[in-house]
Amino acid sequence: MTPKLDASRLESADAVALLGALAQPARLEIFRLLMRYRPHGLAAGDIGRLLAVAHNTLSTHLGALEQVGLLASRREGRHIIFAARPDRADSLLGFRSEACCSQAPKRCIADSPSVPARREFAASNRPLRVLVVCTGNSARSIMAEAVLNREGLGRIEAWSAGSRPQEAPHSLALGLLDELGYDISAMRSKSWDEFLAPDAPKLDLVITVCDDAAETACPTFPGVPMRVHWGLGDPASLSGAQAAKRAGFLQSYRDLTARVTAFINLPFEEMTLRELEPVLTAIGRMDGATDKALGHAA
């Protein structure tokens, strides 16, 4: 009797194709993003905005991932929605563990970190109120505020502020956000003192995105139960050619969107502060984190 083959098992050639598709940095980031948004997926335009990837380049990458079965697409009205196929990723993980971890392949799979999946939420009557803090409130915190408000879909209300705010947000930050379709009309650099006033909004969470703002000089905001650090390098401090500066802002934006999309796809309404704080701290250690965010000595 011929043994029944497991459809989830990969042949070597299939595994090579999957690994090859993920070997390109932009394609890997696309797949990681869509795994955070599974099972519903994202429109191609939203993928391009969150990763700041040009449309023509994005189409090529999406096609390559779909061809090997890592993505599936569907039409919803005017939009093409792309969704990750975690079963293919699981098959690849199983192939890797079977090939490389023959002593205990099941344990390798069990120990692999899970990726939070997007859930459908209605706009909240009491959104989570988040303040993003850095020194100048001109680049990182401004970009984080924009992404949190747009991706939060009514579940999050975000502001940003600085310890020593600049006169205005950095032109490269505003230019990038405008180019990517964010509303920048009301964006301004402001002091964190505005959020210490008696009539300031009641905050739930303060996120510091620069190491200076995370130091002890950062004030204790009234009633804030939680504060986490997502330290990233400051793109506004870069010198040199304009193209190099813009590349720094692009990278900072991508690092921030990775953190925000991991955050907003958590069921944080159902989590206690004790459960949520370590998860948000771990998100702060994603790619691009400073030594302080990683928990290393400065």
C-alpha atoms as a PDB file:
ATOM      1  CA  MET A   1       0.000   0.000   0.000  1.00  0.00           C
ATOM      2  CA  THR A   2       1.415   3.379  -0.974  1.00  0.00           C
ATOM      3  CA  PRO A   3       1.843   5.622   2.093  1.00  0.00           C
ATOM      4  CA  LYS A   4      -0.252   8.785   2.099  1.00  0.00           C
ATOM      5  CA  LEU A   5       1.919  11.867   1.688  1.00  0.00           C
ATOM      6  CA  ASP A   6       1.480  14.895   3.968  1.00  0.00           C
ATOM      7  CA  ALA A   7       0.361  17.751   1.717  1.00  0.00           C
ATOM      8  CA  SER A   8       2.040  20.227   4.054  1.00  0.00           C
ATOM      9  CA  ARG A   9       5.478  18.658   3.531  1.00  0.00           C
ATOM     10  CA  LEU A  10       7.782  20.445   1.161  1.00  0.00           C
ATOM     11  CA  GLU A  11      10.052  18.940  -1.397  1.00  0.00           C
ATOM     12  CA  SER A  12      13.549  20.418  -1.519  1.00  0.00           C
ATOM     13  CA  ALA A  13      12.876  22.306  -4.756  1.00  0.00           C
ATOM     14  CA  ASP A  14       9.748  23.884  -3.267  1.00  0.00           C
ATOM     15  CA  ALA A  15      11.635  24.928  -0.126  1.00  0.00           C
ATOM     16  CA  VAL A  16      14.359  26.497  -2.263  1.00  0.00           C
ATOM     17  CA  ALA A  17      11.710  28.494  -4.146  1.00  0.00           C
ATOM     18  CA  LEU A  18      10.205  29.794  -0.902  1.00  0.00           C
ATOM     19  CA  LEU A  19      13.584  30.665   0.559  1.00  0.00           C
ATOM     20  CA  GLY A  20      14.556  32.369  -2.682  1.00  0.00           C
ATOM     21  CA  ALA A  21      11.430  34.494  -2.666  1.00  0.00           C
ATOM     22  CA  LEU A  22      12.099  35.596   0.914  1.00  0.00           C
ATOM     23  CA  ALA A  23      15.816  36.206   0.344  1.00  0.00           C
ATOM     24  CA  GLN A  24      15.163  39.709  -1.009  1.00  0.00           C
ATOM     25  CA  PRO A  25      14.859  42.265   1.851  1.00  0.00           C
ATOM     26  CA  ALA A  26      11.749  44.075   0.569  1.00  0.00           C
ATOM     27  CA  ARG A  27       9.896  40.804  -0.053  1.00  0.00           C
ATOM     28  CA  LEU A  28      10.763  39.568   3.417  1.00  0.00           C
ATOM     29  CA  GLU A  29       9.382  42.773   4.944  1.00  0.00           C
ATOM     30  CA  ILE A  30       6.196  42.490   2.859  1.00  0.00           C
ATOM     31  CA  PHE A  31       5.616  38.955   4.115  1.00  0.00           C
ATOM     32  CA  ARG A  32       6.354  39.917   7.717  1.00  0.00           C
ATOM     33  CA  LEU A  33       3.919  42.823   7.481  1.00  0.00           C
ATOM     34  CA  LEU A  34       1.151  40.663   6.024  1.00  0.00           C
ATOM     35  CA  MET A  35       1.693  38.005   8.672  1.00  0.00           C
ATOM     36  CA  ARG A  36       0.872  40.702  11.237  1.00  0.00           C
ATOM     37  CA  TYR A  37      -2.294  41.520   9.274  1.00  0.00           C
ATOM     38  CA  ARG A  38      -3.451  37.949   8.746  1.00  0.00           C
ATOM     39  CA  PRO A  39      -5.926  36.614   7.945  1.00  0.00           C
ATOM     40  CA  HIS A  40      -7.532  39.638   6.289  1.00  0.00           C
ATOM     41  CA  GLY A  41      -4.527  41.116   4.511  1.00  0.00           C
ATOM     42  CA  LEU A  42      -3.980  44.594   3.102  1.00  0.00           C
ATOM     43  CA  ALA A  43      -4.626  46.435  -0.123  1.00  0.00           C
ATOM     44  CA  ALA A  44      -1.558  46.855  -2.292  1.00  0.00           C
ATOM     45  CA  GLY A  45      -1.663  50.620  -1.744  1.00  0.00           C
ATOM     46  CA  ASP A  46      -1.567  50.183   2.038  1.00  0.00           C
ATOM     47  CA  ILE A  47       1.371  47.780   1.782  1.00  0.00           C
ATOM     48  CA  GLY A  48       3.260  50.317  -0.315  1.00  0.00           C
ATOM     49  CA  ARG A  49       2.462  53.119   2.139  1.00  0.00           C
ATOM     50  CA  LEU A  50       3.473  51.213   5.256  1.00  0.00           C
ATOM     51  CA  LEU A  51       6.747  50.022   3.731  1.00  0.00           C
ATOM     52  CA  ALA A  52       7.352  53.140   1.583  1.00  0.00           C
ATOM     53  CA  VAL A  53       7.864  51.011  -1.525  1.00  0.00           C
ATOM     54  CA  ALA A  54       7.136  52.374  -5.032  1.00  0.00           C
ATOM     55  CA  HIS A  55       4.118  50.865  -6.811  1.00  0.00           C
ATOM     56  CA  ASN A  56       5.986  49.339  -9.745  1.00  0.00           C
ATOM     57  CA  THR A  57       8.591  47.745  -7.466  1.00  0.00           C
ATOM     58  CA  LEU A  58       5.888  46.551  -5.087  1.00  0.00           C
ATOM     59  CA  SER A  59       3.960  44.821  -7.876  1.00  0.00           C
ATOM     60  CA  THR A  60       7.041  42.817  -8.815  1.00  0.00           C
ATOM     61  CA  HIS A  61       7.616  41.718  -5.211  1.00  0.00           C
ATOM     62  CA  LEU A  62       3.969  40.816  -4.627  1.00  0.00           C
ATOM     63  CA  GLY A  63       3.955  38.759  -7.810  1.00  0.00           C
ATOM     64  CA  ALA A  64       7.071  36.868  -6.761  1.00  0.00           C
ATOM     65  CA  LEU A  65       5.597  36.030  -3.350  1.00  0.00           C
ATOM     66  CA  GLU A  66       2.256  35.011  -4.807  1.00  0.00           C
ATOM     67  CA  GLN A  67       3.901  32.809  -7.422  1.00  0.00           C
ATOM     68  CA  VAL A  68       5.481  30.601  -4.757  1.00  0.00           C
ATOM     69  CA  GLY A  69       2.278  30.501  -2.713  1.00  0.00           C
ATOM     70  CA  LEU A  70       3.321  32.720   0.211  1.00  0.00           C
ATOM     71  CA  LEU A  71       0.569  35.216  -0.617  1.00  0.00           C
ATOM     72  CA  ALA A  72      -2.967  34.935  -1.933  1.00  0.00           C
ATOM     73  CA  SER A  73      -4.836  37.810  -3.569  1.00  0.00           C
ATOM     74  CA  ARG A  74      -8.510  38.663  -3.922  1.00  0.00           C
ATOM     75  CA  ARG A  75     -10.482  41.603  -5.272  1.00  0.00           C
ATOM     76  CA  GLU A  76     -12.625  43.716  -2.968  1.00  0.00           C
ATOM     77  CA  GLY A  77     -14.303  46.488  -4.940  1.00  0.00           C
ATOM     78  CA  ARG A  78     -11.601  48.595  -6.560  1.00  0.00           C
ATOM     79  CA  HIS A  79      -8.817  47.081  -4.493  1.00  0.00           C
ATOM     80  CA  ILE A  80      -6.673  43.973  -4.739  1.00  0.00           C
ATOM     81  CA  ILE A  81      -6.137  42.573  -1.247  1.00  0.00           C
ATOM     82  CA  PHE A  82      -3.035  40.500  -0.530  1.00  0.00           C
ATOM     83  CA  ALA A  83      -2.964  38.116   2.427  1.00  0.00           C
ATOM     84  CA  ALA A  84      -0.204  35.963   3.834  1.00  0.00           C
ATOM     85  CA  ARG A  85      -0.569  32.197   3.691  1.00  0.00           C
ATOM     86  CA  PRO A  86       0.794  31.085   7.052  1.00  0.00           C
ATOM     87  CA  ASP A  87       0.366  27.428   6.074  1.00  0.00           C
ATOM     88  CA  ARG A  88       3.181  27.881   3.543  1.00  0.00           C
ATOM     89  CA  ALA A  89       5.373  29.529   6.145  1.00  0.00           C
ATOM     90  CA  ASP A  90       4.587  26.687   8.557  1.00  0.00           C
ATOM     91  CA  SER A  91       5.524  24.150   5.887  1.00  0.00           C
ATOM     92  CA  LEU A  92       8.846  25.890   5.378  1.00  0.00           C
ATOM     93  CA  LEU A  93       9.421  25.987   9.128  1.00  0.00           C
ATOM     94  CA  GLY A  94       8.642  22.299   9.332  1.00  0.00           C
ATOM     95  CA  PHE A  95      11.065  21.554   6.495  1.00  0.00           C
ATOM     96  CA  ARG A  96      13.775  23.590   8.218  1.00  0.00           C
ATOM     97  CA  SER A  97      13.227  21.957  11.594  1.00  0.00           C
ATOM     98  CA  GLU A  98      13.145  18.467  10.106  1.00  0.00           C
ATOM     99  CA  ALA A  99      16.327  19.093   8.147  1.00  0.00           C
ATOM    100  CA  CYS A 100      18.259  21.018  10.775  1.00  0.00           C
ATOM    101  CA  CYS A 101      16.816  19.934  14.108  1.00  0.00           C
ATOM    102  CA  SER A 102      16.461  16.205  13.713  1.00  0.00           C
ATOM    103  CA  GLN A 103      16.848  15.682  17.443  1.00  0.00           C
ATOM    104  CA  ALA A 104      13.566  17.437  18.288  1.00  0.00           C
ATOM    105  CA  PRO A 105      11.884  19.075  15.284  1.00  0.00           C
ATOM    106  CA  LYS A 106       8.526  19.491  17.023  1.00  0.00           C
ATOM    107  CA  ARG A 107      10.149  21.477  19.800  1.00  0.00           C
ATOM    108  CA  CYS A 108      11.765  23.831  17.260  1.00  0.00           C
ATOM    109  CA  ILE A 109       8.335  24.651  15.841  1.00  0.00           C
ATOM    110  CA  ALA A 110       6.746  25.056  19.257  1.00  0.00           C
ATOM    111  CA  ASP A 111       9.484  27.422  20.399  1.00  0.00           C
ATOM    112  CA  SER A 112       9.120  29.709  17.374  1.00  0.00           C
ATOM    113  CA  PRO A 113       7.462  33.033  18.305  1.00  0.00           C
ATOM    114  CA  SER A 114       3.884  33.509  17.149  1.00  0.00           C
ATOM    115  CA  VAL A 115       2.868  36.545  15.117  1.00  0.00           C
ATOM    116  CA  PRO A 116      -0.161  38.518  16.327  1.00  0.00           C
ATOM    117  CA  ALA A 117      -3.068  38.358  13.898  1.00  0.00           C
ATOM    118  CA  ARG A 118      -5.282  41.280  12.953  1.00  0.00           C
ATOM    119  CA  ARG A 119      -8.771  41.272  14.408  1.00  0.00           C
ATOM    120  CA  GLU A 120     -11.880  43.155  13.349  1.00  0.00           C
ATOM    121  CA  PHE A 121     -12.743  45.906  15.813  1.00  0.00           C
ATOM    122  CA  ALA A 122     -15.359  48.625  15.725  1.00  0.00           C
ATOM    123  CA  ALA A 123     -14.223  52.132  16.585  1.00  0.00           C
ATOM    124  CA  SER A 124     -13.967  52.390  20.367  1.00  0.00           C
ATOM    125  CA  ASN A 125     -15.870  54.856  22.535  1.00  0.00           C
ATOM    126  CA  ARG A 126     -12.741  54.991  24.677  1.00  0.00           C
ATOM    127  CA  PRO A 127      -9.694  54.562  22.436  1.00  0.00           C
ATOM    128  CA  LEU A 128      -6.287  53.902  23.932  1.00  0.00           C
ATOM    129  CA  ARG A 129      -4.655  57.321  24.309  1.00  0.00           C
ATOM    130  CA  VAL A 130      -0.982  57.301  23.427  1.00  0.00           C
ATOM    131  CA  LEU A 131       1.663  60.037  23.618  1.00  0.00           C
ATOM    132  CA  VAL A 132       4.859  59.508  21.605  1.00  0.00           C
ATOM    133  CA  VAL A 133       7.784  61.458  23.008  1.00  0.00           C
ATOM    134  CA  CYS A 134      11.221  62.382  21.695  1.00  0.00           C
ATOM    135  CA  THR A 135      13.528  65.366  22.089  1.00  0.00           C
ATOM    136  CA  GLY A 136      12.738  67.638  19.140  1.00  0.00           C
ATOM    137  CA  ASN A 137       9.279  66.325  18.147  1.00  0.00           C
ATOM    138  CA  SER A 138      10.275  66.842  14.540  1.00  0.00           C
ATOM    139  CA  ALA A 139      10.885  63.403  13.021  1.00  0.00           C
ATOM    140  CA  ARG A 140      10.415  60.043  14.773  1.00  0.00           C
ATOM    141  CA  SER A 141       7.580  61.025  17.102  1.00  0.00           C
ATOM    142  CA  ILE A 142       5.768  62.958  14.365  1.00  0.00           C
ATOM    143  CA  MET A 143       5.894  59.935  12.039  1.00  0.00           C
ATOM    144  CA  ALA A 144       4.810  57.568  14.818  1.00  0.00           C
ATOM    145  CA  GLU A 145       1.834  59.808  15.662  1.00  0.00           C
ATOM    146  CA  ALA A 146       0.707  59.784  12.031  1.00  0.00           C
ATOM    147  CA  VAL A 147       0.934  56.002  11.631  1.00  0.00           C
ATOM    148  CA  LEU A 148      -0.719  55.236  14.980  1.00  0.00           C
ATOM    149  CA  ASN A 149      -3.701  57.440  14.221  1.00  0.00           C
ATOM    150  CA  ARG A 150      -4.205  56.049  10.727  1.00  0.00           C
ATOM    151  CA  GLU A 151      -3.603  52.383  11.479  1.00  0.00           C
ATOM    152  CA  GLY A 152      -5.364  52.450  14.844  1.00  0.00           C
ATOM    153  CA  LEU A 153      -8.746  52.642  13.071  1.00  0.00           C
ATOM    154  CA  GLY A 154     -10.390  54.442  15.969  1.00  0.00           C
ATOM    155  CA  ARG A 155      -8.959  52.106  18.619  1.00  0.00           C
ATOM    156  CA  ILE A 156      -6.001  54.423  19.272  1.00  0.00           C
ATOM    157  CA  GLU A 157      -5.785  58.197  19.633  1.00  0.00           C
ATOM    158  CA  ALA A 158      -2.203  59.411  19.412  1.00  0.00           C
ATOM    159  CA  TRP A 159      -0.281  62.624  19.950  1.00  0.00           C
ATOM    160  CA  SER A 160       3.411  63.474  19.969  1.00  0.00           C
ATOM    161  CA  ALA A 161       5.566  65.929  21.881  1.00  0.00           C
ATOM    162  CA  GLY A 162       9.182  66.766  22.685  1.00  0.00           C
ATOM    163  CA  SER A 163      11.337  67.759  25.634  1.00  0.00           C
ATOM    164  CA  ARG A 164      12.987  70.507  23.574  1.00  0.00           C
ATOM    165  CA  PRO A 165      10.717  70.861  20.542  1.00  0.00           C
ATOM    166  CA  GLN A 166      11.899  72.319  17.276  1.00  0.00           C
ATOM    167  CA  GLU A 167      10.058  75.244  15.735  1.00  0.00           C
ATOM    168  CA  ALA A 168       8.421  72.905  13.205  1.00  0.00           C
ATOM    169  CA  PRO A 169       8.533  69.263  12.104  1.00  0.00           C
ATOM    170  CA  HIS A 170      11.431  68.335   9.850  1.00  0.00           C
ATOM    171  CA  SER A 171      10.700  68.999   6.182  1.00  0.00           C
ATOM    172  CA  LEU A 172      11.829  65.499   5.191  1.00  0.00           C
ATOM    173  CA  ALA A 173       9.448  63.914   7.711  1.00  0.00           C
ATOM    174  CA  LEU A 174       6.517  65.992   6.502  1.00  0.00           C
ATOM    175  CA  GLY A 175       7.447  65.480   2.863  1.00  0.00           C
ATOM    176  CA  LEU A 176       7.610  61.710   3.260  1.00  0.00           C
ATOM    177  CA  LEU A 177       4.301  61.526   5.131  1.00  0.00           C
ATOM    178  CA  ASP A 178       2.614  63.772   2.572  1.00  0.00           C
ATOM    179  CA  GLU A 179       3.980  61.655  -0.280  1.00  0.00           C
ATOM    180  CA  LEU A 180       2.581  58.536   1.405  1.00  0.00           C
ATOM    181  CA  GLY A 181      -0.900  59.988   1.763  1.00  0.00           C
ATOM    182  CA  TYR A 182      -0.997  61.117   5.388  1.00  0.00           C
ATOM    183  CA  ASP A 183      -2.782  64.312   6.384  1.00  0.00           C
ATOM    184  CA  ILE A 184      -0.037  66.666   7.577  1.00  0.00           C
ATOM    185  CA  SER A 185      -2.134  69.845   7.764  1.00  0.00           C
ATOM    186  CA  ALA A 186      -2.325  69.907  11.578  1.00  0.00           C
ATOM    187  CA  MET A 187       1.101  68.487  12.385  1.00  0.00           C
ATOM    188  CA  ARG A 188       3.292  70.685  14.563  1.00  0.00           C
ATOM    189  CA  SER A 189       6.197  70.366  16.977  1.00  0.00           C
ATOM    190  CA  LYS A 190       5.105  70.932  20.575  1.00  0.00           C
ATOM    191  CA  SER A 191       6.375  70.649  24.118  1.00  0.00           C
ATOM    192  CA  TRP A 192       5.430  67.828  26.405  1.00  0.00           C
ATOM    193  CA  ASP A 193       4.389  70.546  28.875  1.00  0.00           C
ATOM    194  CA  GLU A 194       1.087  70.708  26.969  1.00  0.00           C
ATOM    195  CA  PHE A 195       0.319  67.215  28.254  1.00  0.00           C
ATOM    196  CA  LEU A 196       1.109  68.139  31.861  1.00  0.00           C
ATOM    197  CA  ALA A 197      -1.593  70.824  31.974  1.00  0.00           C
ATOM    198  CA  PRO A 198      -4.811  70.233  33.971  1.00  0.00           C
ATOM    199  CA  ASP A 199      -6.925  70.237  30.798  1.00  0.00           C
ATOM    200  CA  ALA A 200      -4.638  67.847  28.878  1.00  0.00           C
ATOM    201  CA  PRO A 201      -6.112  64.580  27.567  1.00  0.00           C
ATOM    202  CA  LYS A 202      -5.910  61.677  29.983  1.00  0.00           C
ATOM    203  CA  LEU A 203      -3.220  59.358  28.667  1.00  0.00           C
ATOM    204  CA  ASP A 204      -2.927  55.577  28.915  1.00  0.00           C
ATOM    205  CA  LEU A 205       0.525  55.049  27.466  1.00  0.00           C
ATOM    206  CA  VAL A 206       3.694  57.056  26.833  1.00  0.00           C
ATOM    207  CA  ILE A 207       6.130  55.723  24.234  1.00  0.00           C
ATOM    208  CA  THR A 208       9.604  57.261  24.129  1.00  0.00           C
ATOM    209  CA  VAL A 209      11.340  56.902  20.768  1.00  0.00           C
ATOM    210  CA  CYS A 210      14.685  58.529  21.561  1.00  0.00           C
ATOM    211  CA  ASP A 211      17.088  57.623  24.329  1.00  0.00           C
ATOM    212  CA  ASP A 212      17.400  61.198  25.618  1.00  0.00           C
ATOM    213  CA  ALA A 213      13.654  61.484  26.196  1.00  0.00           C
ATOM    214  CA  ALA A 214      13.663  58.129  27.978  1.00  0.00           C
ATOM    215  CA  GLU A 215      16.100  59.308  30.629  1.00  0.00           C
ATOM    216  CA  THR A 216      15.029  60.401  34.089  1.00  0.00           C
ATOM    217  CA  ALA A 217      14.380  63.958  32.867  1.00  0.00           C
ATOM    218  CA  CYS A 218      11.193  62.664  31.256  1.00  0.00           C
ATOM    219  CA  PRO A 219       8.342  63.882  33.469  1.00  0.00           C
ATOM    220  CA  THR A 220       5.798  61.690  35.138  1.00  0.00           C
ATOM    221  CA  PHE A 221       2.591  62.327  33.221  1.00  0.00           C
ATOM    222  CA  PRO A 222      -0.436  62.424  35.529  1.00  0.00           C
ATOM    223  CA  GLY A 223      -2.396  59.204  35.626  1.00  0.00           C
ATOM    224  CA  VAL A 224      -0.312  57.396  32.986  1.00  0.00           C
ATOM    225  CA  PRO A 225      -0.176  53.728  34.012  1.00  0.00           C
ATOM    226  CA  MET A 226       2.406  52.576  31.476  1.00  0.00           C
ATOM    227  CA  ARG A 227       5.534  53.833  29.728  1.00  0.00           C
ATOM    228  CA  VAL A 228       7.667  51.892  27.241  1.00  0.00           C
ATOM    229  CA  HIS A 229      10.772  52.688  25.225  1.00  0.00           C
ATOM    230  CA  TRP A 230      11.056  52.201  21.465  1.00  0.00           C
ATOM    231  CA  GLY A 231      14.468  53.774  20.988  1.00  0.00           C
ATOM    232  CA  LEU A 232      15.533  54.488  17.386  1.00  0.00           C
ATOM    233  CA  GLY A 233      18.332  56.550  15.891  1.00  0.00           C
ATOM    234  CA  ASP A 234      17.450  60.144  14.999  1.00  0.00           C
ATOM    235  CA  PRO A 235      17.222  60.669  11.224  1.00  0.00           C
ATOM    236  CA  ALA A 236      17.189  64.448  11.785  1.00  0.00           C
ATOM    237  CA  SER A 237      20.776  64.236  13.035  1.00  0.00           C
ATOM    238  CA  LEU A 238      22.101  62.842   9.738  1.00  0.00           C
ATOM    239  CA  SER A 239      24.429  64.974   7.657  1.00  0.00           C
ATOM    240  CA  GLY A 240      25.634  64.717   4.088  1.00  0.00           C
ATOM    241  CA  ALA A 241      23.819  64.545   0.772  1.00  0.00           C
ATOM    242  CA  GLN A 242      20.054  65.024   0.656  1.00  0.00           C
ATOM    243  CA  ALA A 243      19.588  61.528  -0.782  1.00  0.00           C
ATOM    244  CA  ALA A 244      21.362  59.995   2.217  1.00  0.00           C
ATOM    245  CA  LYS A 245      19.230  62.015   4.631  1.00  0.00           C
ATOM    246  CA  ARG A 246      16.048  60.931   2.864  1.00  0.00           C
ATOM    247  CA  ALA A 247      17.183  57.309   3.049  1.00  0.00           C
ATOM    248  CA  GLY A 248      17.586  57.735   6.805  1.00  0.00           C
ATOM    249  CA  PHE A 249      14.056  59.053   7.153  1.00  0.00           C
ATOM    250  CA  LEU A 250      12.717  56.189   5.022  1.00  0.00           C
ATOM    251  CA  GLN A 251      14.427  53.638   7.252  1.00  0.00           C
ATOM    252  CA  SER A 252      13.175  55.322  10.406  1.00  0.00           C
ATOM    253  CA  TYR A 253       9.631  55.351   9.002  1.00  0.00           C
ATOM    254  CA  ARG A 254       9.862  51.637   8.141  1.00  0.00           C
ATOM    255  CA  ASP A 255      11.185  50.775  11.603  1.00  0.00           C
ATOM    256  CA  LEU A 256       8.328  52.726  13.183  1.00  0.00           C
ATOM    257  CA  THR A 257       5.630  51.165  10.995  1.00  0.00           C
ATOM    258  CA  ALA A 258       6.925  47.701  11.888  1.00  0.00           C
ATOM    259  CA  ARG A 259       6.445  48.518  15.567  1.00  0.00           C
ATOM    260  CA  VAL A 260       3.077  50.209  15.118  1.00  0.00           C
ATOM    261  CA  THR A 261       1.610  47.391  13.033  1.00  0.00           C
ATOM    262  CA  ALA A 262       2.754  44.832  15.600  1.00  0.00           C
ATOM    263  CA  PHE A 263       1.140  46.968  18.313  1.00  0.00           C
ATOM    264  CA  ILE A 264      -2.210  47.684  16.689  1.00  0.00           C
ATOM    265  CA  ASN A 265      -2.767  44.044  15.789  1.00  0.00           C
ATOM    266  CA  LEU A 266      -2.653  43.057  19.449  1.00  0.00           C
ATOM    267  CA  PRO A 267      -5.963  42.513  21.271  1.00  0.00           C
ATOM    268  CA  PHE A 268      -4.869  45.168  23.774  1.00  0.00           C
ATOM    269  CA  GLU A 269      -8.437  45.877  24.909  1.00  0.00           C
ATOM    270  CA  GLU A 270      -8.501  42.354  26.330  1.00  0.00           C
ATOM    271  CA  MET A 271      -5.048  42.512  27.947  1.00  0.00           C
ATOM    272  CA  THR A 272      -4.093  43.629  31.421  1.00  0.00           C
ATOM    273  CA  LEU A 273      -1.246  46.121  31.858  1.00  0.00           C
ATOM    274  CA  ARG A 274       0.883  43.314  33.257  1.00  0.00           C
ATOM    275  CA  GLU A 275       0.318  41.339  30.056  1.00  0.00           C
ATOM    276  CA  LEU A 276       0.671  44.282  27.661  1.00  0.00           C
ATOM    277  CA  GLU A 277       3.782  46.007  28.980  1.00  0.00           C
ATOM    278  CA  PRO A 278       6.297  43.193  28.268  1.00  0.00           C
ATOM    279  CA  VAL A 279       4.826  42.703  24.789  1.00  0.00           C
ATOM    280  CA  LEU A 280       5.205  46.408  23.951  1.00  0.00           C
ATOM    281  CA  THR A 281       8.723  46.355  25.384  1.00  0.00           C
ATOM    282  CA  ALA A 282       9.578  43.396  23.153  1.00  0.00           C
ATOM    283  CA  ILE A 283       8.159  45.266  20.144  1.00  0.00           C
ATOM    284  CA  GLY A 284      10.599  48.060  20.978  1.00  0.00           C
ATOM    285  CA  ARG A 285      13.466  45.602  20.404  1.00  0.00           C
ATOM    286  CA  MET A 286      12.590  45.034  16.750  1.00  0.00           C
ATOM    287  CA  ASP A 287      15.045  45.882  13.958  1.00  0.00           C
ATOM    288  CA  GLY A 288      16.711  49.274  14.331  1.00  0.00           C
ATOM    289  CA  ALA A 289      16.490  49.419  18.133  1.00  0.00           C
ATOM    290  CA  THR A 290      19.078  51.392  20.080  1.00  0.00           C
ATOM    291  CA  ASP A 291      21.190  49.719  22.758  1.00  0.00           C
ATOM    292  CA  LYS A 292      18.972  51.248  25.426  1.00  0.00           C
ATOM    293  CA  ALA A 293      15.847  49.784  23.827  1.00  0.00           C
ATOM    294  CA  LEU A 294      17.596  46.412  23.637  1.00  0.00           C
ATOM    295  CA  GLY A 295      18.292  46.639  27.352  1.00  0.00           C
ATOM    296  CA  HIS A 296      22.046  47.054  26.917  1.00  0.00           C
ATOM    297  CA  ALA A 297      24.138  49.424  28.963  1.00  0.00           C
ATOM    298  CA  ALA A 298      24.703  52.747  27.212  1.00  0.00           C
END
